[in-house]
Amino acid sequence: MRLSKFLSLSVAMSRNQAKFFIRKGRVSVDGDVITDPNSEIADTSLVIFDGKPISIAAYHYVLLHKPASYICKTKDTQYTSVLELVKNRSEDRYYYFANVLGAELTGLVLLSDDAHWTTRMQRKLSKKPCVYQAKSKNIISDDQLRQAKEACLVFSENQIGPKINIQEQDEKTLLLSMNQTHISEIKDILSSVDLDIETLHLEQIGRLSLGDLTEGDYLELAENEIKV
């Protein structure tokens, strides 16, 4: 691994910052000061930065059940970040979201401090069907269900990727299978047939689901445990 990459992964800094500090002579490898950021280091090398030994901490992968009124951002002036729910996260590492839910939505959120993994996962998730639960304040009539299905069929005919599918779960709840990018369109469709949706909840993406995870709780997973 290149020394600049090792330093940026070990200490919360960008790759350019790591190169700057290395060129300034603030990093030594196995007792020798190294000023070339592109120097390759062995897995067994002892790396010292500003007099302290450093190592790459294990990445953190989190599957979280997001409550309403939380936001998928690191900071927000109006809502609380979902990061506040992750109690043992490292404060000096930046977290990224593999999928994003609006403040009013609840359900499955994936996040990690591994930027490269998050980027790859975002691409994968964009191609996977999502299962949402839409709960209505009132009983859904047969006519409303029929109109919603017809509207989704018309919308899906003009789209590339997973089509929108609607099923009735109970008298007040619909199960919607669709691409996660269609969330605003499905809200418009349900509103157009006079369905007053109380909650919209993301239960599953591809093969990944919340299972029995309670609202506000989360699971810490290994990278190879996340199968979509």
Foldseek 3Di string as FASTA:
>chain_A
DFQLVFVCQFAVDDSVVSLVQLLVQQKDKQPHRHNGRRDDDDPPIFMGGNRHTTGHDDKWKKKAWADAQEWCDPDDPRGHHLVVLVPPDDPRADKDWLDTDHRQATEITIMISDVVVSVVSVVVLQQWKWKKKWFFPDFQDPVLVVQLQVVQVVVQVPDPHDGWDWDDPDRGIIIIIGGPVCVVVSVVSSVVSVTHTDHMYTADTHPDGCPPPDHSDMDIDDPVVDDD
